Amino acid sequence: MIRVLPLVALALPLLVACGPVSEENAYAQCTERARLAVQPRGEIGVGYGTGGAAARGRVSISSDVIAGRDPQVVYDNCFRQLTGAGPTRPLIL
């Protein structure tokens, strides 16, 4: 019993982290995931400074857009996974 107690103490924070998230966080995360299900996103930056010219870029593509999933279904499934309940707010893209 005494040997098990330290293992439980170490595992408890990990188990708590896997629990449901707050509704506000779930709405934010799931809305973003639904937006990425509509189309890929990207950004490009170009600048010039003392070190010369510089450029950068980033593209975000989700597997949901590749699979052609409906953003509303992505939103609903995401919210249920994170909170264990259905969303009470509609998806607004």
Protein backbone atom coordinates (compact mmCIF):
# COMPACT_ATOMS: atom_id res chain seq x y z
CA MET A 1 0.00 0.00 0.00
CA ILE A 2 2.78 2.44 0.86
CA ARG A 3 4.51 1.80 -2.49
CA VAL A 4 1.31 2.47 -4.42
CA LEU A 5 0.63 5.83 -2.78
CA PRO A 6 3.54 7.69 -4.48
CA LEU A 7 2.46 6.32 -7.87
CA VAL A 8 -1.10 7.53 -7.31
CA ALA A 9 0.23 10.94 -6.25
CA LEU A 10 2.25 11.18 -9.48
CA ALA A 11 -0.57 9.96 -11.73
CA LEU A 12 -3.32 12.16 -10.27
CA PRO A 13 -2.30 15.40 -12.05
CA LEU A 14 -2.14 13.53 -15.36
CA LEU A 15 -5.60 12.08 -14.87
CA VAL A 16 -7.06 15.44 -13.90
CA ALA A 17 -5.58 16.99 -17.06
CA CYS A 18 -7.56 14.49 -19.15
CA GLY A 19 -10.87 15.58 -17.63
CA PRO A 20 -13.47 17.83 -19.24
CA VAL A 21 -12.48 21.38 -20.09
CA SER A 22 -14.56 24.46 -19.31
CA GLU A 23 -17.36 25.32 -21.72
CA GLU A 24 -15.68 28.60 -22.70
CA ASN A 25 -12.45 26.82 -23.64
CA ALA A 26 -14.39 24.13 -25.49
CA TYR A 27 -16.32 26.74 -27.51
CA ALA A 28 -13.09 28.50 -28.47
CA GLN A 29 -11.22 25.31 -29.40
CA CYS A 30 -14.12 23.77 -31.31
CA THR A 31 -14.97 26.96 -33.21
CA GLU A 32 -11.36 27.15 -34.37
CA ARG A 33 -11.39 23.51 -35.39
CA ALA A 34 -14.63 24.05 -37.35
CA ARG A 35 -13.07 27.07 -39.11
CA LEU A 36 -10.14 24.91 -40.17
CA ALA A 37 -12.64 22.35 -41.52
CA VAL A 38 -13.91 24.97 -43.98
CA GLN A 39 -10.61 25.77 -45.65
CA PRO A 40 -6.87 25.80 -44.98
CA ARG A 41 -5.34 28.91 -43.45
CA GLY A 42 -2.05 30.55 -44.14
CA GLU A 43 0.00 33.65 -43.59
CA ILE A 44 3.02 35.17 -45.27
CA GLY A 45 5.33 37.79 -43.85
CA VAL A 46 8.02 39.75 -45.67
CA GLY A 47 10.30 42.34 -44.14
CA TYR A 48 13.60 44.11 -44.37
CA GLY A 49 15.83 44.98 -41.48
CA THR A 50 19.45 45.42 -40.50
CA GLY A 51 20.09 41.76 -41.29
CA GLY A 52 18.68 42.11 -44.81
CA ALA A 53 15.48 40.78 -46.30
CA ALA A 54 13.47 38.11 -44.51
CA ALA A 55 10.38 36.12 -45.33
CA ARG A 56 8.30 33.59 -43.45
CA GLY A 57 5.15 31.64 -44.04
CA ARG A 58 2.82 29.21 -42.32
CA VAL A 59 -0.04 27.01 -43.54
CA SER A 60 -2.56 25.18 -41.33
CA ILE A 61 -4.48 22.31 -42.89
CA SER A 62 -6.67 20.02 -40.81
CA SER A 63 -7.58 16.46 -41.62
CA ASP A 64 -11.23 17.57 -41.43
CA VAL A 65 -10.90 19.75 -44.55
CA ILE A 66 -9.06 16.99 -46.40
CA ALA A 67 -11.81 14.50 -45.52
CA GLY A 68 -14.52 17.03 -46.48
CA ARG A 69 -16.23 16.92 -43.07
CA ASP A 70 -19.10 19.27 -42.34
CA PRO A 71 -17.88 22.07 -40.01
CA GLN A 72 -21.08 21.82 -37.94
CA VAL A 73 -20.46 18.11 -37.31
CA VAL A 74 -16.81 18.81 -36.47
CA TYR A 75 -17.91 21.48 -33.98
CA ASP A 76 -20.52 19.24 -32.35
CA ASN A 77 -18.22 16.21 -32.09
CA CYS A 78 -15.35 18.31 -30.73
CA PHE A 79 -17.55 19.88 -28.05
CA ARG A 80 -18.91 16.49 -26.97
CA GLN A 81 -15.38 15.06 -26.74
CA LEU A 82 -14.13 17.94 -24.60
CA THR A 83 -17.10 18.41 -22.27
CA GLY A 84 -19.16 15.24 -22.45
CA ALA A 85 -22.27 17.23 -23.42
CA GLY A 86 -23.66 18.85 -26.55
CA PRO A 87 -23.05 22.53 -27.33
CA THR A 88 -25.73 25.03 -26.32
CA ARG A 89 -24.43 27.76 -28.65
CA PRO A 90 -24.70 27.59 -32.42
CA LEU A 91 -21.57 27.56 -34.54
CA ILE A 92 -20.84 31.03 -35.89
CA LEU A 93 -18.03 31.11 -38.42
